[in-house]
């Protein structure tokens, strides 16, 4: 949906000097940017313009604890020592309020409530004390997936379907999020909270995740890195309305629709 107003926080990143507002306050049916209120109906709901989206797997402590016995079985015989990453390519990106197509043959998809870390400058081999210097801000991500059991190597064919990564509605500047390691996240289906979690349960907190990923790869300005999806994400079907809420960041909402199938030849 395109409309007449674009909040400054929705501008592209890509390393260019950025007129980020001093404060963004999500509100009911609106967003307040540096004291100016924008009505939700007047905003452009395209996803934030990012460069690449990296997902993290197995980054919740409770999830790793539940899988401990599996970790110690062949062929791995130990929990993963480095971050487990996967890519959500551009075809998966979708904006707030856009419809997500449930692929034919999939009765349900998993709703993956997670936080997106958006980088404002290149991050390479950062130390913990300087990890946040590279962060421009945070956004809400719904890391959708077809249910599967592969954990060590998240399969693209289940995670990278068209529209399987709603983002937004905006990027909240880092300085507007005071306690990123104590944020409450909720996944909702048809208005009902189906999962509630906290960034306090992360195996690698936000700073450590940035440090450990930037040790072996450069995160470029405009890249987005998620903190991961917790165990047992709720499932939803075509016709359901799904949402992810993060305290201080707002709400990202989408509707699931069934994939159109062509009928038999006339």
Protein backbone atom coordinates (compact mmCIF):
# COMPACT_ATOMS: atom_id res chain seq x y z
CA UNK A 1 0.00 0.00 0.00
CA UNK A 2 1.39 3.39 -1.01
CA UNK A 3 0.15 6.57 0.59
CA UNK A 4 1.15 10.20 0.86
CA UNK A 5 3.35 10.11 3.96
CA UNK A 6 6.61 8.34 4.70
CA UNK A 7 7.89 8.59 8.26
CA UNK A 8 11.63 9.47 8.34
CA UNK A 9 12.39 6.14 10.03
CA UNK A 10 11.26 4.29 6.91
CA UNK A 11 13.91 5.83 4.69
CA UNK A 12 16.50 3.57 3.07
CA UNK A 13 19.74 2.91 4.95
CA UNK A 14 22.63 1.66 2.81
CA UNK A 15 25.22 3.63 4.80
CA UNK A 16 24.16 7.11 3.73
CA UNK A 17 23.84 9.89 6.34
CA UNK A 18 20.45 9.42 7.90
CA UNK A 19 18.12 12.08 9.35
CA UNK A 20 16.83 9.67 11.99
CA UNK A 21 14.33 11.24 14.34
CA UNK A 22 15.26 11.56 17.99
CA UNK A 23 12.30 9.49 19.08
CA UNK A 24 9.59 7.26 17.64
CA UNK A 25 6.61 6.29 19.78
CA UNK A 26 4.25 3.69 18.30
CA UNK A 27 0.66 4.40 19.33
CA UNK A 28 -2.75 2.96 18.57
CA UNK A 29 -3.47 3.50 14.86
CA UNK A 30 -0.65 6.06 14.68
CA UNK A 31 3.02 6.74 15.21
CA UNK A 32 4.50 9.79 16.93
CA UNK A 33 7.80 10.98 15.42
CA UNK A 34 9.60 13.71 17.35
CA UNK A 35 6.27 14.87 18.72
CA UNK A 36 4.44 14.86 15.39
CA UNK A 37 1.60 12.36 15.10
CA UNK A 38 1.09 10.46 11.85
CA UNK A 39 -2.20 8.63 11.34
CA UNK A 40 -1.76 4.99 10.39
CA UNK A 41 -4.06 5.41 7.39
CA UNK A 42 -1.69 8.05 5.95
CA UNK A 43 1.48 5.97 6.06
CA UNK A 44 3.33 4.01 3.41
CA UNK A 45 3.31 0.37 4.56
CA UNK A 46 6.01 -0.95 2.26
CA UNK A 47 8.64 -2.90 4.21
CA UNK A 48 11.70 -0.95 5.37
CA UNK A 49 14.31 -0.72 2.63
CA UNK A 50 17.01 -3.07 3.86
CA UNK A 51 19.94 -4.67 2.06
CA UNK A 52 19.86 -8.30 3.20
CA UNK A 53 17.96 -10.21 5.90
CA UNK A 54 19.77 -12.85 7.96
CA UNK A 55 17.84 -15.11 10.32
CA UNK A 56 19.32 -16.68 13.45
CA UNK A 57 18.39 -20.18 14.55
CA UNK A 58 18.68 -21.86 17.95
CA UNK A 59 19.22 -18.62 19.84
CA UNK A 60 16.72 -19.01 22.68
CA UNK A 61 18.03 -20.59 25.88
CA UNK A 62 14.82 -22.52 26.57
CA UNK A 63 14.87 -23.90 23.01
CA UNK A 64 18.47 -25.10 23.31
CA UNK A 65 17.75 -26.66 26.68
CA UNK A 66 14.83 -28.62 25.22
CA UNK A 67 17.01 -29.84 22.33
CA UNK A 68 20.04 -30.75 24.42
CA UNK A 69 19.57 -34.51 23.97
CA UNK A 70 19.23 -34.06 20.19
CA UNK A 71 22.40 -31.97 20.07
CA UNK A 72 24.42 -34.82 21.56
CA UNK A 73 23.31 -37.38 18.99
CA UNK A 74 25.21 -38.17 15.75
CA UNK A 75 26.21 -36.63 13.45
CA UNK A 76 26.78 -33.44 15.46
CA UNK A 77 27.35 -34.81 18.97
CA UNK A 78 27.40 -31.32 20.50
CA UNK A 79 25.38 -28.09 20.45
CA UNK A 80 26.39 -25.60 17.74
CA UNK A 81 29.22 -23.39 18.96
CA UNK A 82 28.81 -20.63 16.36
CA UNK A 83 25.62 -18.79 15.39
CA UNK A 84 23.40 -20.76 13.00
CA UNK A 85 22.28 -18.40 10.24
CA UNK A 86 20.05 -18.52 7.19
CA UNK A 87 18.86 -15.97 4.62
CA UNK A 88 15.39 -14.58 4.05
CA UNK A 89 15.78 -13.38 0.43
CA UNK A 90 14.09 -10.36 -1.11
CA UNK A 91 11.13 -12.36 -2.44
CA UNK A 92 10.09 -13.01 1.18
CA UNK A 93 9.94 -9.36 2.27
CA UNK A 94 6.47 -7.97 2.81
CA UNK A 95 5.00 -4.88 4.43
CA UNK A 96 2.57 -4.29 7.27
CA UNK A 97 -1.04 -5.22 6.44
CA UNK A 98 -0.06 -7.04 3.23
CA UNK A 99 -1.50 -10.49 2.51
CA UNK A 100 0.71 -13.56 2.91
CA UNK A 101 -0.02 -16.46 0.57
CA UNK A 102 -0.11 -19.89 2.19
CA UNK A 103 1.34 -22.31 -0.40
CA UNK A 104 -0.97 -24.95 -1.79
CA UNK A 105 -0.42 -28.21 0.05
CA UNK A 106 0.47 -26.50 3.35
CA UNK A 107 -2.37 -26.57 5.83
CA UNK A 108 -0.54 -24.40 8.37
CA UNK A 109 2.47 -22.11 8.64
CA UNK A 110 4.47 -21.10 11.70
CA UNK A 111 4.32 -17.54 13.02
CA UNK A 112 7.87 -16.53 13.94
CA UNK A 113 7.85 -13.51 16.26
CA UNK A 114 11.31 -11.96 16.30
CA UNK A 115 13.26 -8.72 16.56
CA UNK A 116 15.22 -7.33 13.61
CA UNK A 117 18.51 -5.51 14.22
CA UNK A 118 19.13 -2.98 11.43
CA UNK A 119 22.71 -1.85 10.82
CA UNK A 120 23.57 1.75 9.97
CA UNK A 121 27.23 1.11 9.21
CA UNK A 122 29.42 -1.86 8.39
CA UNK A 123 30.10 -4.20 11.32
CA UNK A 124 33.24 -6.35 11.22
CA UNK A 125 34.95 -8.04 14.16
CA UNK A 126 33.26 -5.80 16.69
CA UNK A 127 33.92 -6.01 20.40
CA UNK A 128 31.06 -6.23 22.85
CA UNK A 129 31.52 -2.70 24.16
CA UNK A 130 31.20 -1.24 20.65
CA UNK A 131 28.62 -3.65 19.18
CA UNK A 132 25.72 -1.20 19.34
CA UNK A 133 27.68 1.55 17.60
CA UNK A 134 26.90 -0.14 14.27
CA UNK A 135 23.16 -0.48 14.98
CA UNK A 136 20.84 2.07 13.39
CA UNK A 137 17.67 0.74 14.96
CA UNK A 138 15.22 -2.13 15.37
CA UNK A 139 12.14 -3.38 13.59
CA UNK A 140 9.55 -6.14 13.97
CA UNK A 141 9.91 -9.30 11.89
CA UNK A 142 7.51 -12.18 11.36
CA UNK A 143 9.82 -15.00 10.28
CA UNK A 144 7.19 -17.27 8.74
CA UNK A 145 7.94 -20.87 7.85
CA UNK A 146 6.33 -24.11 6.75
CA UNK A 147 6.62 -26.46 9.76
CA UNK A 148 9.77 -28.61 9.60
CA UNK A 149 12.15 -30.45 11.92
CA UNK A 150 15.53 -29.39 10.52
CA UNK A 151 17.30 -27.22 13.10
CA UNK A 152 21.00 -27.21 12.26
CA UNK A 153 20.43 -26.33 8.59
CA UNK A 154 17.18 -24.36 8.20
CA UNK A 155 15.85 -25.31 4.73
CA UNK A 156 15.23 -22.52 2.25
CA UNK A 157 12.29 -24.31 0.67
CA UNK A 158 10.37 -23.98 3.95
CA UNK A 159 11.64 -20.54 5.00
CA UNK A 160 12.01 -18.64 1.74
CA UNK A 161 8.54 -18.79 0.18
CA UNK A 162 7.20 -15.57 -1.32
CA UNK A 163 6.01 -13.19 1.40
CA UNK A 164 7.41 -15.27 4.28
CA UNK A 165 9.19 -12.35 5.96
CA UNK A 166 6.91 -9.41 6.84
CA UNK A 167 8.95 -6.45 8.17
CA UNK A 168 8.09 -3.16 9.82
CA UNK A 169 6.01 -1.16 10.13
CA UNK A 170 9.03 1.13 10.77
CA UNK A 171 12.60 1.16 12.00
CA UNK A 172 12.76 2.51 15.55
CA UNK A 173 16.10 4.28 16.18
CA UNK A 174 18.43 2.50 18.60
CA UNK A 175 18.40 5.38 21.08
CA UNK A 176 14.61 5.04 21.38
CA UNK A 177 14.91 1.44 22.66
CA UNK A 178 16.36 1.61 26.16
CA UNK A 179 16.38 -2.06 27.17
CA UNK A 180 16.79 -4.24 24.09
CA UNK A 181 17.67 -7.26 26.25
CA UNK A 182 14.41 -7.05 28.20
CA UNK A 183 11.86 -6.61 25.44
CA UNK A 184 8.58 -8.53 25.49
CA UNK A 185 7.48 -10.14 22.22
CA UNK A 186 4.10 -11.65 21.42
CA UNK A 187 2.77 -13.69 18.49
CA UNK A 188 -0.98 -13.37 17.91
CA UNK A 189 -3.44 -15.27 15.76
CA UNK A 190 -6.85 -13.66 15.22
CA UNK A 191 -6.19 -11.27 18.09
CA UNK A 192 -5.33 -14.02 20.59
CA UNK A 193 -1.84 -14.16 22.10
CA UNK A 194 -0.46 -17.60 21.19
CA UNK A 195 3.15 -17.07 22.29
CA UNK A 196 4.82 -14.65 24.69
CA UNK A 197 8.57 -14.42 25.06
CA UNK A 198 11.37 -12.08 26.09
CA UNK A 199 14.76 -11.12 24.74
CA UNK A 200 16.01 -11.91 28.26
CA UNK A 201 15.81 -15.61 27.22
CA UNK A 202 18.35 -15.29 24.42
CA UNK A 203 21.33 -17.64 24.36
CA UNK A 204 23.33 -14.83 22.78
CA UNK A 205 21.98 -11.43 23.75
CA UNK A 206 21.84 -8.76 21.08
CA UNK A 207 25.36 -7.45 21.65
CA UNK A 208 26.92 -10.93 21.75
CA UNK A 209 25.04 -12.02 18.64
CA UNK A 210 26.44 -9.03 16.75
CA UNK A 211 29.95 -9.75 18.06
CA UNK A 212 29.86 -13.44 17.17
CA UNK A 213 28.38 -12.95 13.68
CA UNK A 214 30.67 -10.03 12.80
CA UNK A 215 33.67 -12.15 13.80
CA UNK A 216 33.32 -14.32 10.67
CA UNK A 217 31.38 -12.07 8.26
CA UNK A 218 30.88 -8.37 7.63
CA UNK A 219 27.39 -7.09 8.29
CA UNK A 220 26.90 -4.23 5.84
CA UNK A 221 25.05 -0.98 6.38
CA UNK A 222 21.40 -1.74 5.64
CA UNK A 223 21.63 -5.42 6.61
CA UNK A 224 19.08 -6.82 9.03
CA UNK A 225 19.86 -9.61 11.50
CA UNK A 226 17.11 -11.27 13.52
CA UNK A 227 17.58 -12.59 17.04
CA UNK A 228 15.86 -15.88 16.17
CA UNK A 229 12.52 -17.60 16.67
CA UNK A 230 11.70 -19.37 19.93
CA UNK A 231 10.62 -23.00 20.23
CA UNK A 232 7.06 -24.06 19.44
CA UNK A 233 5.97 -21.07 17.36
CA UNK A 234 2.19 -20.87 16.93
CA UNK A 235 0.60 -22.05 13.71
CA UNK A 236 -1.99 -20.35 11.55
CA UNK A 237 -4.05 -21.14 8.46
CA UNK A 238 -5.34 -19.31 5.42
CA UNK A 239 -8.02 -16.87 6.55
CA UNK A 240 -6.26 -16.11 9.85
CA UNK A 241 -4.93 -12.72 10.86
CA UNK A 242 -1.44 -12.94 12.34
CA UNK A 243 0.51 -10.30 14.23
CA UNK A 244 3.76 -9.76 16.08
CA UNK A 245 3.96 -7.19 18.86
CA UNK A 246 7.13 -5.93 20.54
CA UNK A 247 6.90 -3.53 23.46
CA UNK A 248 8.18 -0.12 22.40
CA UNK A 249 8.24 -1.01 18.71
CA UNK A 250 4.57 -1.53 17.94
CA UNK A 251 2.64 -4.15 15.98
CA UNK A 252 3.17 -5.84 12.60
CA UNK A 253 0.02 -7.43 11.20
CA UNK A 254 -0.76 -9.52 8.11
CA UNK A 255 -3.57 -11.69 6.80
CA UNK A 256 -3.02 -15.21 5.47
CA UNK A 257 -4.69 -16.12 2.19
CA UNK A 258 -4.85 -19.42 0.34
CA UNK A 259 -2.80 -19.81 -2.82
CA UNK A 260 -4.99 -19.67 -5.90
CA UNK A 261 -5.08 -22.98 -7.71
CA UNK A 262 -6.07 -23.37 -11.32
CA UNK A 263 -9.01 -25.62 -11.93
CA UNK A 264 -9.28 -28.42 -14.47
CA UNK A 265 -9.27 -27.44 -18.15
CA UNK A 266 -12.67 -26.50 -19.52
